Amino acid sequence: MNFKPKFTDFRKKVEESFKRQKFMELIHANLIDVKPGYCEIQIPYNPILTQQHGFFHAGIISTIADNAAGYASFSLMEEDASVLTVEFKLNLMSPGDGDLLIAKANVLKNGRTLTICRSEVFIRKNGVEKLCAASQTTLIELKNKSDKYLH
């Protein structure tokens, strides 16, 4: 689908918000691409992010799926709004066994308050990408609410 952002500098807003997420920094996540209604995030393999078999942990897989959906949605929101996940469902389809985790999220429906996104998470091993998880996420636009944390 082709979506039109509500303001021209949506990409900068997404990039700045992503940089403020300290957890993304901790897990070495990289914001790869943002377009209206689309986001891609990647995480390189690190043994610290694995479960007992050496695969990417499901918590990391769900995090990247959620964040990609959040920023796909955020790209279509008002300039002075922020975003929060309301609900998401994740299906793990194969182990996160590889050297790079890739989440690609697309907005399915952009409403006045709620947005529905689909994320697909791929694992790359030996240069081949394989679908390892898929999620559907509902996000809420918090109008007139900055996502800058002030404490």
C-alpha atoms as a PDB file:
ATOM      1  CA  MET A   1       0.000   0.000   0.000  1.00  0.00           C
ATOM      2  CA  ASN A   2       1.024   3.553  -0.581  1.00  0.00           C
ATOM      3  CA  PHE A   3       0.658   5.788   2.458  1.00  0.00           C
ATOM      4  CA  LYS A   4       1.229   9.512   2.661  1.00  0.00           C
ATOM      5  CA  PRO A   5       2.990  10.846   5.788  1.00  0.00           C
ATOM      6  CA  LYS A   6       1.305  13.670   7.678  1.00  0.00           C
ATOM      7  CA  PHE A   7       4.464  15.783   7.589  1.00  0.00           C
ATOM      8  CA  THR A   8       7.598  15.860   5.459  1.00  0.00           C
ATOM      9  CA  ASP A   9      10.234  15.227   8.143  1.00  0.00           C
ATOM     10  CA  PHE A  10       8.754  11.900   9.345  1.00  0.00           C
ATOM     11  CA  ARG A  11      12.030  10.037   8.715  1.00  0.00           C
ATOM     12  CA  LYS A  12      14.039  12.353  10.993  1.00  0.00           C
ATOM     13  CA  LYS A  13      11.417  11.997  13.733  1.00  0.00           C
ATOM     14  CA  VAL A  14      11.642   8.181  13.536  1.00  0.00           C
ATOM     15  CA  GLU A  15      15.458   8.211  13.498  1.00  0.00           C
ATOM     16  CA  GLU A  16      15.641  10.512  16.535  1.00  0.00           C
ATOM     17  CA  SER A  17      13.142   8.415  18.471  1.00  0.00           C
ATOM     18  CA  PHE A  18      15.034   5.223  17.610  1.00  0.00           C
ATOM     19  CA  LYS A  19      18.280   6.765  18.905  1.00  0.00           C
ATOM     20  CA  ARG A  20      16.589   7.522  22.240  1.00  0.00           C
ATOM     21  CA  GLN A  21      15.736   3.860  22.794  1.00  0.00           C
ATOM     22  CA  LYS A  22      18.582   2.664  24.980  1.00  0.00           C
ATOM     23  CA  PHE A  23      17.444  -0.962  24.663  1.00  0.00           C
ATOM     24  CA  MET A  24      17.985  -0.792  20.888  1.00  0.00           C
ATOM     25  CA  GLU A  25      21.511   0.417  21.604  1.00  0.00           C
ATOM     26  CA  LEU A  26      22.058  -2.397  24.128  1.00  0.00           C
ATOM     27  CA  ILE A  27      21.091  -5.117  21.630  1.00  0.00           C
ATOM     28  CA  HIS A  28      22.963  -3.404  18.746  1.00  0.00           C
ATOM     29  CA  ALA A  29      19.823  -2.920  16.654  1.00  0.00           C
ATOM     30  CA  ASN A  30      20.150  -0.853  13.496  1.00  0.00           C
ATOM     31  CA  LEU A  31      17.411   1.175  11.847  1.00  0.00           C
ATOM     32  CA  ILE A  32      17.919   0.267   8.183  1.00  0.00           C
ATOM     33  CA  ASP A  33      15.001   1.842   6.329  1.00  0.00           C
ATOM     34  CA  VAL A  34      11.921   3.966   6.968  1.00  0.00           C
ATOM     35  CA  LYS A  35       9.305   4.841   4.391  1.00  0.00           C
ATOM     36  CA  PRO A  36       5.702   5.938   4.901  1.00  0.00           C
ATOM     37  CA  GLY A  37       4.092   2.888   6.512  1.00  0.00           C
ATOM     38  CA  TYR A  38       7.247   0.751   6.405  1.00  0.00           C
ATOM     39  CA  CYS A  39      10.246   0.081   8.650  1.00  0.00           C
ATOM     40  CA  GLU A  40      13.190  -2.313   8.630  1.00  0.00           C
ATOM     41  CA  ILE A  41      15.397  -3.028  11.638  1.00  0.00           C
ATOM     42  CA  GLN A  42      18.322  -5.452  11.826  1.00  0.00           C
ATOM     43  CA  ILE A  43      20.260  -7.008  14.693  1.00  0.00           C
ATOM     44  CA  PRO A  44      23.597  -8.768  14.129  1.00  0.00           C
ATOM     45  CA  TYR A  45      24.217 -12.045  15.928  1.00  0.00           C
ATOM     46  CA  ASN A  46      25.667 -11.760  19.415  1.00  0.00           C
ATOM     47  CA  PRO A  47      25.832 -14.716  21.837  1.00  0.00           C
ATOM     48  CA  ILE A  48      24.486 -12.445  24.598  1.00  0.00           C
ATOM     49  CA  LEU A  49      21.164 -12.275  22.696  1.00  0.00           C
ATOM     50  CA  THR A  50      20.667 -16.043  22.512  1.00  0.00           C
ATOM     51  CA  GLN A  51      18.849 -18.763  24.363  1.00  0.00           C
ATOM     52  CA  GLN A  52      20.314 -22.108  25.471  1.00  0.00           C
ATOM     53  CA  HIS A  53      20.615 -23.526  21.908  1.00  0.00           C
ATOM     54  CA  GLY A  54      22.521 -20.500  20.631  1.00  0.00           C
ATOM     55  CA  PHE A  55      19.554 -19.168  18.617  1.00  0.00           C
ATOM     56  CA  PHE A  56      18.349 -15.570  18.899  1.00  0.00           C
ATOM     57  CA  HIS A  57      16.095 -15.469  21.967  1.00  0.00           C
ATOM     58  CA  ALA A  58      12.341 -15.161  21.334  1.00  0.00           C
ATOM     59  CA  GLY A  59      12.405 -11.988  23.451  1.00  0.00           C
ATOM     60  CA  ILE A  60      14.791 -10.387  20.943  1.00  0.00           C
ATOM     61  CA  ILE A  61      12.723 -11.627  18.004  1.00  0.00           C
ATOM     62  CA  SER A  62       9.541 -10.187  19.529  1.00  0.00           C
ATOM     63  CA  THR A  63      11.305  -6.916  20.373  1.00  0.00           C
ATOM     64  CA  ILE A  64      12.481  -6.327  16.816  1.00  0.00           C
ATOM     65  CA  ALA A  65       9.036  -7.258  15.416  1.00  0.00           C
ATOM     66  CA  ASP A  66       7.339  -4.842  17.828  1.00  0.00           C
ATOM     67  CA  ASN A  67       9.773  -1.987  17.187  1.00  0.00           C
ATOM     68  CA  ALA A  68       9.604  -2.324  13.405  1.00  0.00           C
ATOM     69  CA  ALA A  69       5.792  -2.196  13.586  1.00  0.00           C
ATOM     70  CA  GLY A  70       5.956   0.765  15.951  1.00  0.00           C
ATOM     71  CA  TYR A  71       8.130   2.803  13.648  1.00  0.00           C
ATOM     72  CA  ALA A  72       6.202   1.827  10.503  1.00  0.00           C
ATOM     73  CA  SER A  73       3.137   3.189  12.300  1.00  0.00           C
ATOM     74  CA  PHE A  74       4.988   6.206  13.737  1.00  0.00           C
ATOM     75  CA  SER A  75       6.019   7.249  10.215  1.00  0.00           C
ATOM     76  CA  LEU A  76       2.354   8.049   9.477  1.00  0.00           C
ATOM     77  CA  MET A  77       1.532   9.906  12.687  1.00  0.00           C
ATOM     78  CA  GLU A  78       1.232  13.611  13.381  1.00  0.00           C
ATOM     79  CA  GLU A  79       4.438  15.535  14.041  1.00  0.00           C
ATOM     80  CA  ASP A  80       3.560  16.144  17.703  1.00  0.00           C
ATOM     81  CA  ALA A  81       2.351  12.596  18.421  1.00  0.00           C
ATOM     82  CA  SER A  82       4.003   9.538  19.901  1.00  0.00           C
ATOM     83  CA  VAL A  83       3.237   5.831  19.596  1.00  0.00           C
ATOM     84  CA  LEU A  84       2.643   2.916  21.954  1.00  0.00           C
ATOM     85  CA  THR A  85       1.884  -0.728  21.299  1.00  0.00           C
ATOM     86  CA  VAL A  86      -1.580  -1.765  22.480  1.00  0.00           C
ATOM     87  CA  GLU A  87      -1.429  -5.442  21.525  1.00  0.00           C
ATOM     88  CA  PHE A  88       0.632  -7.851  19.481  1.00  0.00           C
ATOM     89  CA  LYS A  89       0.670 -11.503  18.579  1.00  0.00           C
ATOM     90  CA  LEU A  90       3.817 -13.275  17.486  1.00  0.00           C
ATOM     91  CA  ASN A  91       4.113 -16.592  15.709  1.00  0.00           C
ATOM     92  CA  LEU A  92       7.555 -18.208  15.872  1.00  0.00           C
ATOM     93  CA  MET A  93       7.929 -20.402  12.788  1.00  0.00           C
ATOM     94  CA  SER A  94      11.561 -21.471  12.849  1.00  0.00           C
ATOM     95  CA  PRO A  95      14.561 -20.947  15.130  1.00  0.00           C
ATOM     96  CA  GLY A  96      16.482 -17.689  14.993  1.00  0.00           C
ATOM     97  CA  ASP A  97      19.565 -19.608  13.850  1.00  0.00           C
ATOM     98  CA  GLY A  98      21.791 -17.292  11.834  1.00  0.00           C
ATOM     99  CA  ASP A  99      24.036 -14.260  11.741  1.00  0.00           C
ATOM    100  CA  LEU A 100      21.485 -11.478  11.225  1.00  0.00           C
ATOM    101  CA  LEU A 101      17.923 -10.897  12.408  1.00  0.00           C
ATOM    102  CA  ILE A 102      15.843  -8.736  10.037  1.00  0.00           C
ATOM    103  CA  ALA A 103      12.404  -7.293  10.812  1.00  0.00           C
ATOM    104  CA  LYS A 104      10.310  -5.738   8.068  1.00  0.00           C
ATOM    105  CA  ALA A 105       7.024  -4.139   9.063  1.00  0.00           C
ATOM    106  CA  ASN A 106       4.195  -2.744   6.966  1.00  0.00           C
ATOM    107  CA  VAL A 107       1.129  -0.815   8.004  1.00  0.00           C
ATOM    108  CA  LEU A 108      -2.030  -2.698   7.063  1.00  0.00           C
ATOM    109  CA  LYS A 109      -4.517  -0.058   8.227  1.00  0.00           C
ATOM    110  CA  ASN A 110      -3.874   3.447   9.457  1.00  0.00           C
ATOM    111  CA  GLY A 111      -6.827   4.762  11.444  1.00  0.00           C
ATOM    112  CA  ARG A 112      -7.410   8.017  13.302  1.00  0.00           C
ATOM    113  CA  THR A 113      -6.176   6.564  16.593  1.00  0.00           C
ATOM    114  CA  LEU A 114      -5.231   2.904  16.043  1.00  0.00           C
ATOM    115  CA  THR A 115      -2.910   1.468  13.409  1.00  0.00           C
ATOM    116  CA  ILE A 116      -2.564  -2.215  12.515  1.00  0.00           C
ATOM    117  CA  CYS A 117       0.826  -3.499  11.307  1.00  0.00           C
ATOM    118  CA  ARG A 118       2.285  -6.788  10.169  1.00  0.00           C
ATOM    119  CA  SER A 119       5.911  -7.626  10.864  1.00  0.00           C
ATOM    120  CA  GLU A 120       7.899 -10.414   9.300  1.00  0.00           C
ATOM    121  CA  VAL A 121      11.154 -11.393  10.966  1.00  0.00           C
ATOM    122  CA  PHE A 122      13.784 -13.162   8.913  1.00  0.00           C
ATOM    123  CA  ILE A 123      16.990 -14.887   9.931  1.00  0.00           C
ATOM    124  CA  ARG A 124      19.961 -14.751   7.576  1.00  0.00           C
ATOM    125  CA  LYS A 125      22.327 -17.723   7.560  1.00  0.00           C
ATOM    126  CA  ASN A 126      25.009 -18.319   4.925  1.00  0.00           C
ATOM    127  CA  GLY A 127      23.565 -15.475   2.858  1.00  0.00           C
ATOM    128  CA  VAL A 128      20.055 -16.969   2.760  1.00  0.00           C
ATOM    129  CA  GLU A 129      17.074 -15.280   4.437  1.00  0.00           C
ATOM    130  CA  LYS A 130      14.399 -17.471   6.010  1.00  0.00           C
ATOM    131  CA  LEU A 131      11.166 -16.355   7.643  1.00  0.00           C
ATOM    132  CA  CYS A 132      11.378 -17.181  11.347  1.00  0.00           C
ATOM    133  CA  ALA A 133       8.483 -15.169  12.837  1.00  0.00           C
ATOM    134  CA  ALA A 134       5.476 -13.055  11.966  1.00  0.00           C
ATOM    135  CA  SER A 135       3.411 -10.724  14.101  1.00  0.00           C
ATOM    136  CA  GLN A 136       0.375  -8.516  13.959  1.00  0.00           C
ATOM    137  CA  THR A 137       0.479  -5.406  16.103  1.00  0.00           C
ATOM    138  CA  THR A 138      -2.050  -2.763  17.116  1.00  0.00           C
ATOM    139  CA  LEU A 139      -0.571   0.637  17.956  1.00  0.00           C
ATOM    140  CA  ILE A 140      -2.101   3.799  19.349  1.00  0.00           C
ATOM    141  CA  GLU A 141      -1.278   7.362  18.329  1.00  0.00           C
ATOM    142  CA  LEU A 142      -0.877   9.570  21.387  1.00  0.00           C
ATOM    143  CA  LYS A 143      -1.660  13.014  20.009  1.00  0.00           C
ATOM    144  CA  ASN A 144       0.141  16.035  21.458  1.00  0.00           C
ATOM    145  CA  LYS A 145       2.409  13.711  23.467  1.00  0.00           C
ATOM    146  CA  SER A 146       6.173  13.711  22.930  1.00  0.00           C
ATOM    147  CA  ASP A 147       8.093  10.453  23.121  1.00  0.00           C
ATOM    148  CA  LYS A 148      11.022  12.240  24.787  1.00  0.00           C
ATOM    149  CA  TYR A 149      11.490  10.817  28.254  1.00  0.00           C
ATOM    150  CA  LEU A 150      11.911  13.467  30.897  1.00  0.00           C
ATOM    151  CA  HIS A 151      12.599  12.437  34.474  1.00  0.00           C
END
